[in-house]
């Protein structure tokens, strides 16, 4: 299975603007810019999208881990906070912190913790954040 999204950037890094779109159409020409990434401008930014992906992925993975233990959650609320820092190597995503609240009446704390930890390391976005990146690049003539 493959999913895709695209981005178009026009102009220099500070004064330029871009648009992000997803194959599903959920994002269509959604604006991003230097201001939305490094200031408080209106629009989105790559780190916010990574946070959304991580929160959604973890919540589903946690539900799957709980199901394996015979537990059905009423709700799982996950906030992922992605940290972007200017390091010696340049701007770097240094952390994605998951803050999770689950409503599961009568759950055993030990099973809950085991499932949460398994989901934290097992969700595909958690694994992606530690993966190598490959690329094919070509110049239009």
C-alpha atoms as a PDB file:
ATOM      1  CA  UNK A   1       0.000   0.000   0.000  1.00  0.00           C
ATOM      2  CA  UNK A   2       1.285   3.442  -0.868  1.00  0.00           C
ATOM      3  CA  UNK A   3      -0.127   6.859   0.041  1.00  0.00           C
ATOM      4  CA  UNK A   4       1.020  10.161  -1.340  1.00  0.00           C
ATOM      5  CA  UNK A   5       0.913  13.875  -0.803  1.00  0.00           C
ATOM      6  CA  UNK A   6       2.467  16.666  -2.794  1.00  0.00           C
ATOM      7  CA  UNK A   7       3.864  20.106  -2.155  1.00  0.00           C
ATOM      8  CA  UNK A   8       4.584  23.021  -4.468  1.00  0.00           C
ATOM      9  CA  UNK A   9       6.846  25.863  -3.309  1.00  0.00           C
ATOM     10  CA  UNK A  10       7.204  29.177  -5.119  1.00  0.00           C
ATOM     11  CA  UNK A  11       9.860  31.747  -4.297  1.00  0.00           C
ATOM     12  CA  UNK A  12      12.660  32.037  -1.783  1.00  0.00           C
ATOM     13  CA  UNK A  13      12.461  30.467   1.664  1.00  0.00           C
ATOM     14  CA  UNK A  14      11.438  33.605   3.594  1.00  0.00           C
ATOM     15  CA  UNK A  15       9.163  35.325   1.104  1.00  0.00           C
ATOM     16  CA  UNK A  16       7.885  32.310  -0.783  1.00  0.00           C
ATOM     17  CA  UNK A  17       4.726  30.330  -0.260  1.00  0.00           C
ATOM     18  CA  UNK A  18       3.728  26.744  -0.753  1.00  0.00           C
ATOM     19  CA  UNK A  19       0.703  24.504  -0.988  1.00  0.00           C
ATOM     20  CA  UNK A  20       0.291  20.961   0.279  1.00  0.00           C
ATOM     21  CA  UNK A  21      -2.268  18.501  -1.097  1.00  0.00           C
ATOM     22  CA  UNK A  22      -3.085  14.895  -0.275  1.00  0.00           C
ATOM     23  CA  UNK A  23      -4.231  12.135  -2.590  1.00  0.00           C
ATOM     24  CA  UNK A  24      -7.451  11.748  -0.592  1.00  0.00           C
ATOM     25  CA  UNK A  25      -8.279  15.431  -1.020  1.00  0.00           C
ATOM     26  CA  UNK A  26      -8.468  16.050   2.733  1.00  0.00           C
ATOM     27  CA  UNK A  27      -5.773  18.661   2.183  1.00  0.00           C
ATOM     28  CA  UNK A  28      -6.127  20.506  -1.106  1.00  0.00           C
ATOM     29  CA  UNK A  29      -3.754  23.352  -1.837  1.00  0.00           C
ATOM     30  CA  UNK A  30      -3.384  23.972   1.910  1.00  0.00           C
ATOM     31  CA  UNK A  31      -1.111  26.969   2.406  1.00  0.00           C
ATOM     32  CA  UNK A  32       2.225  26.858   4.197  1.00  0.00           C
ATOM     33  CA  UNK A  33       5.068  29.339   4.397  1.00  0.00           C
ATOM     34  CA  UNK A  34       8.037  30.466   6.445  1.00  0.00           C
ATOM     35  CA  UNK A  35       5.549  32.286   8.686  1.00  0.00           C
ATOM     36  CA  UNK A  36       3.448  29.171   9.333  1.00  0.00           C
ATOM     37  CA  UNK A  37       6.524  27.120  10.092  1.00  0.00           C
ATOM     38  CA  UNK A  38       8.727  29.427  12.144  1.00  0.00           C
ATOM     39  CA  UNK A  39       6.312  32.132  13.275  1.00  0.00           C
ATOM     40  CA  UNK A  40       2.558  32.199  13.985  1.00  0.00           C
ATOM     41  CA  UNK A  41       1.238  32.562  10.449  1.00  0.00           C
ATOM     42  CA  UNK A  42      -2.062  31.125   9.230  1.00  0.00           C
ATOM     43  CA  UNK A  43      -1.726  27.753   7.540  1.00  0.00           C
ATOM     44  CA  UNK A  44      -0.013  24.477   8.303  1.00  0.00           C
ATOM     45  CA  UNK A  45       3.563  23.222   8.406  1.00  0.00           C
ATOM     46  CA  UNK A  46       5.354  19.889   7.984  1.00  0.00           C
ATOM     47  CA  UNK A  47       5.895  19.361  11.722  1.00  0.00           C
ATOM     48  CA  UNK A  48       2.179  19.840  12.471  1.00  0.00           C
ATOM     49  CA  UNK A  49       1.352  17.254   9.812  1.00  0.00           C
ATOM     50  CA  UNK A  50       3.874  14.809  11.304  1.00  0.00           C
ATOM     51  CA  UNK A  51       2.287  15.373  14.728  1.00  0.00           C
ATOM     52  CA  UNK A  52      -1.181  14.678  13.325  1.00  0.00           C
ATOM     53  CA  UNK A  53       0.062  11.517  11.621  1.00  0.00           C
ATOM     54  CA  UNK A  54       1.811  10.309  14.774  1.00  0.00           C
ATOM     55  CA  UNK A  55      -1.215  10.958  17.023  1.00  0.00           C
ATOM     56  CA  UNK A  56      -3.565   9.168  14.630  1.00  0.00           C
ATOM     57  CA  UNK A  57      -1.218   6.251  14.052  1.00  0.00           C
ATOM     58  CA  UNK A  58      -0.546   5.752  17.754  1.00  0.00           C
ATOM     59  CA  UNK A  59      -4.243   5.854  18.697  1.00  0.00           C
ATOM     60  CA  UNK A  60      -5.045   3.125  16.174  1.00  0.00           C
ATOM     61  CA  UNK A  61      -2.032   1.032  17.178  1.00  0.00           C
ATOM     62  CA  UNK A  62      -2.983   1.362  20.856  1.00  0.00           C
ATOM     63  CA  UNK A  63      -6.521   0.209  20.083  1.00  0.00           C
ATOM     64  CA  UNK A  64      -5.092  -2.813  18.237  1.00  0.00           C
ATOM     65  CA  UNK A  65      -2.771  -3.666  21.134  1.00  0.00           C
ATOM     66  CA  UNK A  66      -5.674  -3.413  23.599  1.00  0.00           C
ATOM     67  CA  UNK A  67      -7.796  -5.664  21.350  1.00  0.00           C
ATOM     68  CA  UNK A  68      -5.072  -8.319  21.488  1.00  0.00           C
ATOM     69  CA  UNK A  69      -5.443  -8.216  25.280  1.00  0.00           C
ATOM     70  CA  UNK A  70      -9.230  -8.575  24.974  1.00  0.00           C
ATOM     71  CA  UNK A  71      -9.862  -4.924  25.889  1.00  0.00           C
ATOM     72  CA  UNK A  72     -12.083  -2.480  23.989  1.00  0.00           C
ATOM     73  CA  UNK A  73     -11.449   1.190  24.753  1.00  0.00           C
ATOM     74  CA  UNK A  74     -14.308   3.651  24.942  1.00  0.00           C
ATOM     75  CA  UNK A  75     -11.974   6.384  23.687  1.00  0.00           C
ATOM     76  CA  UNK A  76      -8.309   7.161  23.175  1.00  0.00           C
ATOM     77  CA  UNK A  77      -7.218  10.797  22.919  1.00  0.00           C
ATOM     78  CA  UNK A  78      -3.646  11.360  21.776  1.00  0.00           C
ATOM     79  CA  UNK A  79      -1.791  14.628  21.315  1.00  0.00           C
ATOM     80  CA  UNK A  80       1.588  14.419  19.610  1.00  0.00           C
ATOM     81  CA  UNK A  81       3.940  17.351  20.088  1.00  0.00           C
ATOM     82  CA  UNK A  82       6.706  17.492  17.508  1.00  0.00           C
ATOM     83  CA  UNK A  83       9.743  19.554  18.499  1.00  0.00           C
ATOM     84  CA  UNK A  84      11.745  21.355  15.802  1.00  0.00           C
ATOM     85  CA  UNK A  85      15.090  22.705  16.993  1.00  0.00           C
ATOM     86  CA  UNK A  86      17.972  24.503  15.334  1.00  0.00           C
ATOM     87  CA  UNK A  87      20.861  22.142  16.090  1.00  0.00           C
ATOM     88  CA  UNK A  88      24.476  22.093  14.900  1.00  0.00           C
ATOM     89  CA  UNK A  89      23.220  20.064  11.927  1.00  0.00           C
ATOM     90  CA  UNK A  90      20.524  22.673  11.133  1.00  0.00           C
ATOM     91  CA  UNK A  91      16.775  22.583  11.748  1.00  0.00           C
ATOM     92  CA  UNK A  92      15.964  19.109  13.057  1.00  0.00           C
ATOM     93  CA  UNK A  93      12.889  17.327  14.355  1.00  0.00           C
ATOM     94  CA  UNK A  94      14.305  16.202  17.683  1.00  0.00           C
ATOM     95  CA  UNK A  95      11.269  14.640  19.349  1.00  0.00           C
ATOM     96  CA  UNK A  96       7.681  13.584  18.990  1.00  0.00           C
ATOM     97  CA  UNK A  97       6.077  13.376  22.424  1.00  0.00           C
ATOM     98  CA  UNK A  98       2.813  11.472  22.817  1.00  0.00           C
ATOM     99  CA  UNK A  99       0.353  12.575  25.516  1.00  0.00           C
ATOM    100  CA  UNK A 100      -2.359   9.931  25.799  1.00  0.00           C
ATOM    101  CA  UNK A 101      -5.617   9.777  27.717  1.00  0.00           C
ATOM    102  CA  UNK A 102      -7.764   6.677  27.364  1.00  0.00           C
ATOM    103  CA  UNK A 103     -11.210   5.923  28.736  1.00  0.00           C
ATOM    104  CA  UNK A 104     -11.391   2.202  29.403  1.00  0.00           C
ATOM    105  CA  UNK A 105     -13.744   1.244  32.242  1.00  0.00           C
ATOM    106  CA  UNK A 106     -12.436  -1.601  34.421  1.00  0.00           C
ATOM    107  CA  UNK A 107      -9.094  -1.972  32.665  1.00  0.00           C
ATOM    108  CA  UNK A 108      -6.148  -3.559  34.455  1.00  0.00           C
ATOM    109  CA  UNK A 109      -3.320  -0.975  34.794  1.00  0.00           C
ATOM    110  CA  UNK A 110      -0.594  -3.487  33.912  1.00  0.00           C
ATOM    111  CA  UNK A 111      -2.313  -4.539  30.658  1.00  0.00           C
ATOM    112  CA  UNK A 112      -2.942  -0.873  29.836  1.00  0.00           C
ATOM    113  CA  UNK A 113       0.740   0.021  30.291  1.00  0.00           C
ATOM    114  CA  UNK A 114       1.974  -2.970  28.293  1.00  0.00           C
ATOM    115  CA  UNK A 115      -0.377  -2.129  25.406  1.00  0.00           C
ATOM    116  CA  UNK A 116       0.552   1.581  25.465  1.00  0.00           C
ATOM    117  CA  UNK A 117       4.282   0.832  25.391  1.00  0.00           C
ATOM    118  CA  UNK A 118       3.857  -1.702  22.589  1.00  0.00           C
ATOM    119  CA  UNK A 119       1.863   0.831  20.549  1.00  0.00           C
ATOM    120  CA  UNK A 120       4.454   3.549  21.189  1.00  0.00           C
ATOM    121  CA  UNK A 121       7.256   1.521  19.598  1.00  0.00           C
ATOM    122  CA  UNK A 122       5.107  -0.411  17.149  1.00  0.00           C
ATOM    123  CA  UNK A 123       3.072   2.215  15.357  1.00  0.00           C
ATOM    124  CA  UNK A 124       4.384   2.722  11.813  1.00  0.00           C
ATOM    125  CA  UNK A 125       4.907   6.473  12.249  1.00  0.00           C
ATOM    126  CA  UNK A 126       7.003   5.860  15.389  1.00  0.00           C
ATOM    127  CA  UNK A 127       9.137   3.505  13.322  1.00  0.00           C
ATOM    128  CA  UNK A 128       9.289   5.957  10.406  1.00  0.00           C
ATOM    129  CA  UNK A 129      10.690   8.682  12.593  1.00  0.00           C
ATOM    130  CA  UNK A 130      13.747   6.449  13.072  1.00  0.00           C
ATOM    131  CA  UNK A 131      13.927   5.186   9.466  1.00  0.00           C
ATOM    132  CA  UNK A 132      16.341   5.982   6.664  1.00  0.00           C
ATOM    133  CA  UNK A 133      15.101   8.218   3.875  1.00  0.00           C
ATOM    134  CA  UNK A 134      15.669   7.458   0.210  1.00  0.00           C
ATOM    135  CA  UNK A 135      15.218   9.754  -2.775  1.00  0.00           C
ATOM    136  CA  UNK A 136      15.091   9.972  -6.537  1.00  0.00           C
ATOM    137  CA  UNK A 137      15.585  13.520  -7.838  1.00  0.00           C
ATOM    138  CA  UNK A 138      15.501  14.838 -11.381  1.00  0.00           C
ATOM    139  CA  UNK A 139      15.838  18.267 -12.961  1.00  0.00           C
ATOM    140  CA  UNK A 140      13.227  19.516 -15.393  1.00  0.00           C
ATOM    141  CA  UNK A 141      14.739  20.785 -18.611  1.00  0.00           C
END
